[in-house]
Amino acid sequence: MGPTGSGKSDLAEALADRIGACLINSDAFQVYRGLDIGTGKSPRKAEYALVDMLDPREQYGVGAFLKDAVEACAAAFAVCRPAIVVGGTGLYTRALTEGYEELAAPPDPALRMALAARPIEDLVAELREKDPDLADRTDVRNPVRVRRALERIASPSVKVTAKLPDCRVVKLGLVVDPVELGKKIESRTRTMMHNGWVAEVERLRDAGVRVGDPGMRAIGYQTIWDVIEGRTTREEAVQRIAQQTTAYAKRQRTWLRSEPRLNLIERSSTPERVEDAMQWIDLN
């Protein structure tokens, strides 16, 4: 685990080579075909389970991930290989490793559209009427959070039956300097643009993908769409995407601070990180 741009894939692949492990993706957007540059898929993506599984127009969530990830882990264990789960979607990894059983049902697209069309004042009033306790825990100034709270009320939790086979779980988290990470994120965003990110989104659009489809929620894709439509320049897009990505990395670091049983790796080079990871694996 670790914030975006921290080197998770490099470590996972080096460690997989060292111990003969299977690689399993836990990034919510690398499951989509055609979203390669913007999601940072590895050149070794063919070695990963749960990559390039879906069309960008298909819905995917934590419940589906749990089922798929458990099956991938079981397949690895069946041939006596360990599994390395790697990706930036913290909820996916936590749900898998901490045995989540109660999860919200997938959102109803019609309900989501209906809520989005209503004024925030009406939504807050409905939330306070239906669940005052939830309203007190919700930032009612944030329309997205208010809508999600109403969605949870309308779609109660469902029982998830997917559960990891008996195994030993070692969780590793990469620690990175925020300032250096910010610089790396901007540089990486420019490299993505240079490597054909705009052309990638044009291909998706030509194939029938629309800006509101599930895969297009990945950071940067709607901004690249604006470049194609002439609403923003490439340089403006780089700056906006870098800012969004840096903000996301900050949220990931906050999430990781509360991650149960997380062993931190603070050194920066991949060889050093492999040695640190091996110590955690050997000692636990």
C-alpha atoms as a PDB file:
ATOM      1  CA  MET A   1       0.000   0.000   0.000  1.00  0.00           C
ATOM      2  CA  GLY A   2       1.068   3.620  -0.428  1.00  0.00           C
ATOM      3  CA  PRO A   3       0.125   6.912  -2.063  1.00  0.00           C
ATOM      4  CA  THR A   4       0.042   7.245  -5.827  1.00  0.00           C
ATOM      5  CA  GLY A   5       3.511   7.642  -7.303  1.00  0.00           C
ATOM      6  CA  SER A   6       5.248   6.076  -4.306  1.00  0.00           C
ATOM      7  CA  GLY A   7       6.631   3.089  -6.237  1.00  0.00           C
ATOM      8  CA  LYS A   8       4.198   0.368  -5.191  1.00  0.00           C
ATOM      9  CA  SER A   9       4.308  -1.475  -8.515  1.00  0.00           C
ATOM     10  CA  ASP A  10       8.108  -1.435  -8.712  1.00  0.00           C
ATOM     11  CA  LEU A  11       8.381  -2.924  -5.230  1.00  0.00           C
ATOM     12  CA  ALA A  12       5.608  -5.464  -5.819  1.00  0.00           C
ATOM     13  CA  GLU A  13       7.185  -6.694  -9.050  1.00  0.00           C
ATOM     14  CA  ALA A  14      10.685  -6.900  -7.587  1.00  0.00           C
ATOM     15  CA  LEU A  15       9.333  -8.749  -4.579  1.00  0.00           C
ATOM     16  CA  ALA A  16       7.291 -11.087  -6.780  1.00  0.00           C
ATOM     17  CA  ASP A  17      10.436 -11.931  -8.726  1.00  0.00           C
ATOM     18  CA  ARG A  18      12.250 -12.608  -5.460  1.00  0.00           C
ATOM     19  CA  ILE A  19       9.684 -14.933  -3.849  1.00  0.00           C
ATOM     20  CA  GLY A  20       7.811 -16.277  -6.896  1.00  0.00           C
ATOM     21  CA  ALA A  21       4.539 -14.554  -6.036  1.00  0.00           C
ATOM     22  CA  CYS A  22       1.461 -13.868  -8.146  1.00  0.00           C
ATOM     23  CA  LEU A  23       0.550 -10.196  -8.617  1.00  0.00           C
ATOM     24  CA  ILE A  24      -3.016  -9.035  -7.967  1.00  0.00           C
ATOM     25  CA  ASN A  25      -4.214  -5.531  -8.776  1.00  0.00           C
ATOM     26  CA  SER A  26      -6.221  -3.554  -6.205  1.00  0.00           C
ATOM     27  CA  ASP A  27      -6.567  -0.300  -8.132  1.00  0.00           C
ATOM     28  CA  ALA A  28     -10.185   0.573  -8.876  1.00  0.00           C
ATOM     29  CA  PHE A  29      -9.441   1.872 -12.388  1.00  0.00           C
ATOM     30  CA  GLN A  30      -6.750  -0.474 -13.665  1.00  0.00           C
ATOM     31  CA  VAL A  31      -9.528  -3.052 -14.024  1.00  0.00           C
ATOM     32  CA  TYR A  32     -10.687  -1.147 -17.128  1.00  0.00           C
ATOM     33  CA  ARG A  33      -9.402  -1.908 -20.609  1.00  0.00           C
ATOM     34  CA  GLY A  34      -7.970   1.014 -22.533  1.00  0.00           C
ATOM     35  CA  LEU A  35      -7.153   3.109 -19.478  1.00  0.00           C
ATOM     36  CA  ASP A  36      -3.418   2.474 -19.535  1.00  0.00           C
ATOM     37  CA  ILE A  37      -1.480   5.726 -19.470  1.00  0.00           C
ATOM     38  CA  GLY A  38      -3.657   7.689 -17.063  1.00  0.00           C
ATOM     39  CA  THR A  39      -3.967   4.880 -14.517  1.00  0.00           C
ATOM     40  CA  GLY A  40      -0.251   4.128 -14.567  1.00  0.00           C
ATOM     41  CA  LYS A  41      -0.477   0.488 -15.604  1.00  0.00           C
ATOM     42  CA  SER A  42       2.806  -1.373 -15.448  1.00  0.00           C
ATOM     43  CA  PRO A  43       4.600  -2.505 -18.609  1.00  0.00           C
ATOM     44  CA  ARG A  44       4.279  -5.910 -16.952  1.00  0.00           C
ATOM     45  CA  LYS A  45       0.490  -5.652 -16.665  1.00  0.00           C
ATOM     46  CA  ALA A  46       0.002  -9.036 -18.340  1.00  0.00           C
ATOM     47  CA  GLU A  47       1.434 -10.615 -15.193  1.00  0.00           C
ATOM     48  CA  TYR A  48      -1.309  -9.145 -12.985  1.00  0.00           C
ATOM     49  CA  ALA A  49      -4.676 -10.611 -12.096  1.00  0.00           C
ATOM     50  CA  LEU A  50      -7.620  -8.163 -12.133  1.00  0.00           C
ATOM     51  CA  VAL A  51      -6.171  -5.843 -14.795  1.00  0.00           C
ATOM     52  CA  ASP A  52      -7.989  -5.112 -18.093  1.00  0.00           C
ATOM     53  CA  MET A  53     -11.068  -7.043 -17.001  1.00  0.00           C
ATOM     54  CA  LEU A  54     -13.864  -4.643 -17.891  1.00  0.00           C
ATOM     55  CA  ASP A  55     -15.135  -2.165 -20.444  1.00  0.00           C
ATOM     56  CA  PRO A  56     -14.944   1.411 -19.059  1.00  0.00           C
ATOM     57  CA  ARG A  57     -18.748   1.617 -19.267  1.00  0.00           C
ATOM     58  CA  GLU A  58     -19.199  -1.167 -16.694  1.00  0.00           C
ATOM     59  CA  GLN A  59     -19.679  -0.603 -12.977  1.00  0.00           C
ATOM     60  CA  TYR A  60     -17.197  -2.133 -10.528  1.00  0.00           C
ATOM     61  CA  GLY A  61     -16.975  -1.793  -6.777  1.00  0.00           C
ATOM     62  CA  VAL A  62     -15.560  -3.221  -3.607  1.00  0.00           C
ATOM     63  CA  GLY A  63     -17.997  -6.144  -3.439  1.00  0.00           C
ATOM     64  CA  ALA A  64     -17.066  -7.338  -6.926  1.00  0.00           C
ATOM     65  CA  PHE A  65     -13.396  -6.770  -6.146  1.00  0.00           C
ATOM     66  CA  LEU A  66     -13.574  -8.939  -3.026  1.00  0.00           C
ATOM     67  CA  LYS A  67     -15.049 -11.838  -4.968  1.00  0.00           C
ATOM     68  CA  ASP A  68     -12.480 -11.520  -7.758  1.00  0.00           C
ATOM     69  CA  ALA A  69      -9.501 -10.978  -5.432  1.00  0.00           C
ATOM     70  CA  VAL A  70     -10.383 -13.950  -3.227  1.00  0.00           C
ATOM     71  CA  GLU A  71     -10.570 -16.142  -6.320  1.00  0.00           C
ATOM     72  CA  ALA A  72      -7.196 -14.825  -7.532  1.00  0.00           C
ATOM     73  CA  CYS A  73      -5.572 -15.459  -4.146  1.00  0.00           C
ATOM     74  CA  ALA A  74      -7.049 -18.956  -3.971  1.00  0.00           C
ATOM     75  CA  ALA A  75      -5.700 -19.706  -7.463  1.00  0.00           C
ATOM     76  CA  ALA A  76      -2.217 -18.637  -6.361  1.00  0.00           C
ATOM     77  CA  PHE A  77      -2.370 -20.690  -3.174  1.00  0.00           C
ATOM     78  CA  ALA A  78      -3.574 -23.718  -5.129  1.00  0.00           C
ATOM     79  CA  VAL A  79      -0.241 -23.836  -6.940  1.00  0.00           C
ATOM     80  CA  CYS A  80       1.710 -23.092  -3.752  1.00  0.00           C
ATOM     81  CA  ARG A  81       2.547 -19.483  -4.634  1.00  0.00           C
ATOM     82  CA  PRO A  82       2.133 -16.436  -2.405  1.00  0.00           C
ATOM     83  CA  ALA A  83       0.048 -13.507  -3.633  1.00  0.00           C
ATOM     84  CA  ILE A  84       1.031  -9.832  -3.639  1.00  0.00           C
ATOM     85  CA  VAL A  85      -1.943  -7.467  -3.716  1.00  0.00           C
ATOM     86  CA  VAL A  86      -0.896  -4.008  -4.904  1.00  0.00           C
ATOM     87  CA  GLY A  87      -2.797  -0.843  -5.722  1.00  0.00           C
ATOM     88  CA  GLY A  88      -3.849   2.538  -4.458  1.00  0.00           C
ATOM     89  CA  THR A  89      -7.502   1.876  -3.617  1.00  0.00           C
ATOM     90  CA  GLY A  90      -7.171   1.554   0.141  1.00  0.00           C
ATOM     91  CA  LEU A  91     -10.743   0.423   0.739  1.00  0.00           C
ATOM     92  CA  TYR A  92     -10.266  -2.563  -1.560  1.00  0.00           C
ATOM     93  CA  THR A  93      -7.142  -3.755   0.229  1.00  0.00           C
ATOM     94  CA  ARG A  94      -8.537  -3.146   3.694  1.00  0.00           C
ATOM     95  CA  ALA A  95     -11.791  -4.932   2.908  1.00  0.00           C
ATOM     96  CA  LEU A  96      -9.838  -7.932   1.629  1.00  0.00           C
ATOM     97  CA  THR A  97      -7.287  -8.164   4.427  1.00  0.00           C
ATOM     98  CA  GLU A  98      -9.554  -7.202   7.340  1.00  0.00           C
ATOM     99  CA  GLY A  99     -12.426  -9.504   6.431  1.00  0.00           C
ATOM    100  CA  TYR A 100     -15.178  -7.000   5.657  1.00  0.00           C
ATOM    101  CA  GLU A 101     -18.561  -8.688   5.491  1.00  0.00           C
ATOM    102  CA  GLU A 102     -21.082  -5.810   5.432  1.00  0.00           C
ATOM    103  CA  LEU A 103     -20.779  -3.539   2.397  1.00  0.00           C
ATOM    104  CA  ALA A 104     -23.050  -0.995   0.763  1.00  0.00           C
ATOM    105  CA  ALA A 105     -24.915  -2.183  -2.294  1.00  0.00           C
ATOM    106  CA  PRO A 106     -23.855  -0.716  -5.660  1.00  0.00           C
ATOM    107  CA  PRO A 107     -25.392   2.743  -6.229  1.00  0.00           C
ATOM    108  CA  ASP A 108     -28.574   2.985  -8.277  1.00  0.00           C
ATOM    109  CA  PRO A 109     -27.650   5.122 -11.345  1.00  0.00           C
ATOM    110  CA  ALA A 110     -31.201   6.515 -11.590  1.00  0.00           C
ATOM    111  CA  LEU A 111     -31.182   7.504  -7.911  1.00  0.00           C
ATOM    112  CA  ARG A 112     -27.752   9.114  -8.267  1.00  0.00           C
ATOM    113  CA  MET A 113     -28.934  11.205 -11.216  1.00  0.00           C
ATOM    114  CA  ALA A 114     -32.119  12.232  -9.392  1.00  0.00           C
ATOM    115  CA  LEU A 115     -30.175  13.341  -6.318  1.00  0.00           C
ATOM    116  CA  ALA A 116     -27.675  15.272  -8.431  1.00  0.00           C
ATOM    117  CA  ALA A 117     -30.513  17.300  -9.954  1.00  0.00           C
ATOM    118  CA  ARG A 118     -31.852  18.511  -6.599  1.00  0.00           C
ATOM    119  CA  PRO A 119     -30.687  21.542  -4.574  1.00  0.00           C
ATOM    120  CA  ILE A 120     -28.337  20.822  -1.683  1.00  0.00           C
ATOM    121  CA  GLU A 121     -30.782  22.419   0.776  1.00  0.00           C
ATOM    122  CA  ASP A 122     -33.497  19.885  -0.103  1.00  0.00           C
ATOM    123  CA  LEU A 123     -31.030  17.005   0.197  1.00  0.00           C
ATOM    124  CA  VAL A 124     -29.831  18.125   3.628  1.00  0.00           C
ATOM    125  CA  ALA A 125     -33.405  18.470   4.866  1.00  0.00           C
ATOM    126  CA  GLU A 126     -34.241  14.952   3.640  1.00  0.00           C
ATOM    127  CA  LEU A 127     -31.108  13.509   5.221  1.00  0.00           C
ATOM    128  CA  ARG A 128     -31.894  15.113   8.590  1.00  0.00           C
ATOM    129  CA  GLU A 129     -35.446  13.807   8.429  1.00  0.00           C
ATOM    130  CA  LYS A 130     -34.518  10.257   7.478  1.00  0.00           C
ATOM    131  CA  ASP A 131     -31.399   9.747   9.633  1.00  0.00           C
ATOM    132  CA  PRO A 132     -30.480  12.553  12.057  1.00  0.00           C
ATOM    133  CA  ASP A 133     -27.470  10.625  13.394  1.00  0.00           C
ATOM    134  CA  LEU A 134     -26.026  10.139   9.914  1.00  0.00           C
ATOM    135  CA  ALA A 135     -26.699  13.800   9.149  1.00  0.00           C
ATOM    136  CA  ASP A 136     -24.661  14.793  12.204  1.00  0.00           C
ATOM    137  CA  ARG A 137     -21.726  12.719  10.901  1.00  0.00           C
ATOM    138  CA  THR A 138     -21.945  14.118   7.372  1.00  0.00           C
ATOM    139  CA  ASP A 139     -20.397  17.327   6.077  1.00  0.00           C
ATOM    140  CA  VAL A 140     -23.688  18.882   4.980  1.00  0.00           C
ATOM    141  CA  ARG A 141     -21.836  21.655   3.127  1.00  0.00           C
ATOM    142  CA  ASN A 142     -20.465  19.034   0.734  1.00  0.00           C
ATOM    143  CA  PRO A 143     -23.114  18.041  -1.853  1.00  0.00           C
ATOM    144  CA  VAL A 144     -21.244  14.853  -2.819  1.00  0.00           C
ATOM    145  CA  ARG A 145     -21.142  13.589   0.767  1.00  0.00           C
ATOM    146  CA  VAL A 146     -24.800  14.448   1.320  1.00  0.00           C
ATOM    147  CA  ARG A 147     -25.812  12.568  -1.821  1.00  0.00           C
ATOM    148  CA  ARG A 148     -23.721   9.547  -0.831  1.00  0.00           C
ATOM    149  CA  ALA A 149     -25.344   9.526   2.607  1.00  0.00           C
ATOM    150  CA  LEU A 150     -28.809   9.443   1.022  1.00  0.00           C
ATOM    151  CA  GLU A 151     -27.656   6.671  -1.307  1.00  0.00           C
ATOM    152  CA  ARG A 152     -26.566   4.605   1.713  1.00  0.00           C
ATOM    153  CA  ILE A 153     -29.984   5.051   3.265  1.00  0.00           C
ATOM    154  CA  ALA A 154     -31.682   3.943   0.061  1.00  0.00           C
ATOM    155  CA  SER A 155     -29.281   1.014  -0.474  1.00  0.00           C
ATOM    156  CA  PRO A 156     -28.634  -0.734   2.845  1.00  0.00           C
ATOM    157  CA  SER A 157     -25.585  -2.906   3.399  1.00  0.00           C
ATOM    158  CA  VAL A 158     -25.506  -6.377   1.948  1.00  0.00           C
ATOM    159  CA  LYS A 159     -23.742  -9.484   3.202  1.00  0.00           C
ATOM    160  CA  VAL A 160     -20.519 -10.319   1.391  1.00  0.00           C
ATOM    161  CA  THR A 161     -19.619 -13.989   1.306  1.00  0.00           C
ATOM    162  CA  ALA A 162     -16.154 -13.705  -0.246  1.00  0.00           C
ATOM    163  CA  LYS A 163     -13.463 -14.419   2.347  1.00  0.00           C
ATOM    164  CA  LEU A 164      -9.751 -15.087   2.020  1.00  0.00           C
ATOM    165  CA  PRO A 165      -8.614 -18.679   2.495  1.00  0.00           C
ATOM    166  CA  ASP A 166      -6.666 -19.230   5.702  1.00  0.00           C
ATOM    167  CA  CYS A 167      -3.330 -17.539   5.179  1.00  0.00           C
ATOM    168  CA  ARG A 168      -0.808 -15.241   6.815  1.00  0.00           C
ATOM    169  CA  VAL A 169      -1.259 -11.609   5.805  1.00  0.00           C
ATOM    170  CA  VAL A 170       1.649  -9.140   5.886  1.00  0.00           C
ATOM    171  CA  LYS A 171       0.717  -5.567   5.020  1.00  0.00           C
ATOM    172  CA  LEU A 172       3.422  -3.180   3.828  1.00  0.00           C
ATOM    173  CA  GLY A 173       3.027   0.584   3.462  1.00  0.00           C
ATOM    174  CA  LEU A 174       5.427   2.878   1.623  1.00  0.00           C
ATOM    175  CA  VAL A 175       6.370   6.144   3.346  1.00  0.00           C
ATOM    176  CA  VAL A 176       7.328   9.005   1.027  1.00  0.00           C
ATOM    177  CA  ASP A 177       8.263  12.657   1.495  1.00  0.00           C
ATOM    178  CA  PRO A 178       5.207  14.742   0.452  1.00  0.00           C
ATOM    179  CA  VAL A 179       7.289  17.502  -1.153  1.00  0.00           C
ATOM    180  CA  GLU A 180       9.312  15.091  -3.253  1.00  0.00           C
ATOM    181  CA  LEU A 181       6.180  13.164  -4.134  1.00  0.00           C
ATOM    182  CA  GLY A 182       4.509  16.361  -5.357  1.00  0.00           C
ATOM    183  CA  LYS A 183       7.428  17.039  -7.686  1.00  0.00           C
ATOM    184  CA  LYS A 184       7.329  13.466  -8.941  1.00  0.00           C
ATOM    185  CA  ILE A 185       3.596  13.659  -9.585  1.00  0.00           C
ATOM    186  CA  GLU A 186       3.928  16.755 -11.766  1.00  0.00           C
ATOM    187  CA  SER A 187       6.824  15.222 -13.702  1.00  0.00           C
ATOM    188  CA  ARG A 188       4.920  11.983 -14.153  1.00  0.00           C
ATOM    189  CA  THR A 189       1.836  13.849 -15.363  1.00  0.00           C
ATOM    190  CA  ARG A 190       3.911  15.608 -18.032  1.00  0.00           C
ATOM    191  CA  THR A 191       5.373  12.250 -19.073  1.00  0.00           C
ATOM    192  CA  MET A 192       1.881  10.754 -19.356  1.00  0.00           C
ATOM    193  CA  MET A 193       0.824  13.636 -21.583  1.00  0.00           C
ATOM    194  CA  HIS A 194       3.945  13.225 -23.724  1.00  0.00           C
ATOM    195  CA  ASN A 195       3.337   9.477 -24.008  1.00  0.00           C
ATOM    196  CA  GLY A 196      -0.070   9.888 -25.622  1.00  0.00           C
ATOM    197  CA  TRP A 197      -2.693  10.326 -22.923  1.00  0.00           C
ATOM    198  CA  VAL A 198      -4.812  12.570 -25.176  1.00  0.00           C
ATOM    199  CA  ALA A 199      -4.716   9.988 -27.968  1.00  0.00           C
ATOM    200  CA  GLU A 200      -5.712   7.292 -25.461  1.00  0.00           C
ATOM    201  CA  VAL A 201      -8.842   9.216 -24.462  1.00  0.00           C
ATOM    202  CA  GLU A 202      -9.632   9.943 -28.121  1.00  0.00           C
ATOM    203  CA  ARG A 203      -9.556   6.193 -28.817  1.00  0.00           C
ATOM    204  CA  LEU A 204     -11.893   5.550 -25.906  1.00  0.00           C
ATOM    205  CA  ARG A 205     -14.275   8.246 -27.121  1.00  0.00           C
ATOM    206  CA  ASP A 206     -14.216   6.872 -30.667  1.00  0.00           C
ATOM    207  CA  ALA A 207     -15.061   3.436 -29.221  1.00  0.00           C
ATOM    208  CA  GLY A 208     -18.234   4.804 -27.640  1.00  0.00           C
ATOM    209  CA  VAL A 209     -17.066   5.594 -24.116  1.00  0.00           C
ATOM    210  CA  ARG A 210     -18.674   8.747 -22.720  1.00  0.00           C
ATOM    211  CA  VAL A 211     -17.301  11.239 -20.234  1.00  0.00           C
ATOM    212  CA  GLY A 212     -19.794  10.163 -17.551  1.00  0.00           C
ATOM    213  CA  ASP A 213     -18.992   6.444 -17.743  1.00  0.00           C
ATOM    214  CA  PRO A 214     -17.526   4.709 -14.655  1.00  0.00           C
ATOM    215  CA  GLY A 215     -13.990   4.385 -16.010  1.00  0.00           C
ATOM    216  CA  MET A 216     -13.850   8.104 -16.780  1.00  0.00           C
ATOM    217  CA  ARG A 217     -13.976   8.869 -13.045  1.00  0.00           C
ATOM    218  CA  ALA A 218     -10.260   8.062 -12.852  1.00  0.00           C
ATOM    219  CA  ILE A 219      -8.218  11.164 -12.091  1.00  0.00           C
ATOM    220  CA  GLY A 220      -7.357  13.147 -15.190  1.00  0.00           C
ATOM    221  CA  TYR A 221      -9.630  11.542 -17.771  1.00  0.00           C
ATOM    222  CA  GLN A 222     -12.366  14.162 -17.655  1.00  0.00           C
ATOM    223  CA  THR A 223      -9.710  16.880 -17.835  1.00  0.00           C
ATOM    224  CA  ILE A 224      -8.160  15.232 -20.904  1.00  0.00           C
ATOM    225  CA  TRP A 225     -11.681  15.116 -22.356  1.00  0.00           C
ATOM    226  CA  ASP A 226     -11.790  18.910 -21.886  1.00  0.00           C
ATOM    227  CA  VAL A 227      -8.530  19.171 -23.853  1.00  0.00           C
ATOM    228  CA  ILE A 228     -10.075  17.219 -26.716  1.00  0.00           C
ATOM    229  CA  GLU A 229     -13.190  19.403 -26.639  1.00  0.00           C
ATOM    230  CA  GLY A 230     -11.070  22.558 -26.647  1.00  0.00           C
ATOM    231  CA  ARG A 231     -12.178  23.742 -23.201  1.00  0.00           C
ATOM    232  CA  THR A 232      -8.665  23.754 -21.765  1.00  0.00           C
ATOM    233  CA  THR A 233      -5.058  23.632 -22.940  1.00  0.00           C
ATOM    234  CA  ARG A 234      -2.582  20.825 -22.429  1.00  0.00           C
ATOM    235  CA  GLU A 235      -0.525  22.901 -20.005  1.00  0.00           C
ATOM    236  CA  GLU A 236      -3.613  23.821 -17.989  1.00  0.00           C
ATOM    237  CA  ALA A 237      -4.559  20.150 -17.965  1.00  0.00           C
ATOM    238  CA  VAL A 238      -1.144  19.120 -16.643  1.00  0.00           C
ATOM    239  CA  GLN A 239      -1.400  21.620 -13.797  1.00  0.00           C
ATOM    240  CA  ARG A 240      -4.973  20.612 -12.913  1.00  0.00           C
ATOM    241  CA  ILE A 241      -4.274  16.889 -13.008  1.00  0.00           C
ATOM    242  CA  ALA A 242      -1.108  17.262 -10.945  1.00  0.00           C
ATOM    243  CA  GLN A 243      -3.059  19.211  -8.315  1.00  0.00           C
ATOM    244  CA  GLN A 244      -5.841  16.620  -8.242  1.00  0.00           C
ATOM    245  CA  THR A 245      -3.339  13.776  -7.990  1.00  0.00           C
ATOM    246  CA  THR A 246      -1.398  15.480  -5.190  1.00  0.00           C
ATOM    247  CA  ALA A 247      -4.631  16.017  -3.264  1.00  0.00           C
ATOM    248  CA  TYR A 248      -5.517  12.354  -3.777  1.00  0.00           C
ATOM    249  CA  ALA A 249      -2.092  11.276  -2.516  1.00  0.00           C
ATOM    250  CA  LYS A 250      -2.692  13.344   0.621  1.00  0.00           C
ATOM    251  CA  ARG A 251      -6.006  11.544   1.218  1.00  0.00           C
ATOM    252  CA  GLN A 252      -4.241   8.215   0.718  1.00  0.00           C
ATOM    253  CA  ARG A 253      -1.612   9.115   3.346  1.00  0.00           C
ATOM    254  CA  THR A 254      -4.397  10.043   5.772  1.00  0.00           C
ATOM    255  CA  TRP A 255      -6.105   6.699   5.078  1.00  0.00           C
ATOM    256  CA  LEU A 256      -2.894   4.757   5.671  1.00  0.00           C
ATOM    257  CA  ARG A 257      -2.383   6.342   9.087  1.00  0.00           C
ATOM    258  CA  SER A 258      -5.414   4.378  10.307  1.00  0.00           C
ATOM    259  CA  GLU A 259      -4.604   1.152   8.446  1.00  0.00           C
ATOM    260  CA  PRO A 260      -4.578  -1.822  10.869  1.00  0.00           C
ATOM    261  CA  ARG A 261      -1.426  -3.940  11.141  1.00  0.00           C
ATOM    262  CA  LEU A 262       0.490  -1.897   8.554  1.00  0.00           C
ATOM    263  CA  ASN A 263       4.283  -2.315   8.503  1.00  0.00           C
ATOM    264  CA  LEU A 264       5.984   0.823   7.218  1.00  0.00           C
ATOM    265  CA  ILE A 265       8.876   0.918   4.756  1.00  0.00           C
ATOM    266  CA  GLU A 266      10.655   4.270   4.814  1.00  0.00           C
ATOM    267  CA  ARG A 267      13.660   3.765   2.545  1.00  0.00           C
ATOM    268  CA  SER A 268      13.292   4.975  -1.019  1.00  0.00           C
ATOM    269  CA  SER A 269      15.133   2.699  -3.443  1.00  0.00           C
ATOM    270  CA  THR A 270      13.510  -0.479  -4.707  1.00  0.00           C
ATOM    271  CA  PRO A 271      16.392  -2.812  -3.674  1.00  0.00           C
ATOM    272  CA  GLU A 272      16.325  -1.412  -0.130  1.00  0.00           C
ATOM    273  CA  ARG A 273      12.566  -1.750  -0.006  1.00  0.00           C
ATOM    274  CA  VAL A 274      12.765  -5.380  -1.114  1.00  0.00           C
ATOM    275  CA  GLU A 275      15.163  -6.145   1.735  1.00  0.00           C
ATOM    276  CA  ASP A 276      12.895  -4.350   4.228  1.00  0.00           C
ATOM    277  CA  ALA A 277       9.890  -6.267   2.899  1.00  0.00           C
ATOM    278  CA  MET A 278      11.713  -9.571   3.211  1.00  0.00           C
ATOM    279  CA  GLN A 279      12.452  -8.810   6.860  1.00  0.00           C
ATOM    280  CA  TRP A 280       8.763  -8.254   7.581  1.00  0.00           C
ATOM    281  CA  ILE A 281       7.846 -11.419   5.714  1.00  0.00           C
ATOM    282  CA  ASP A 282      10.485 -13.469   7.524  1.00  0.00           C
ATOM    283  CA  LEU A 283       9.781 -12.080  11.002  1.00  0.00           C
ATOM    284  CA  ASN A 284       5.993 -12.326  11.093  1.00  0.00           C
END
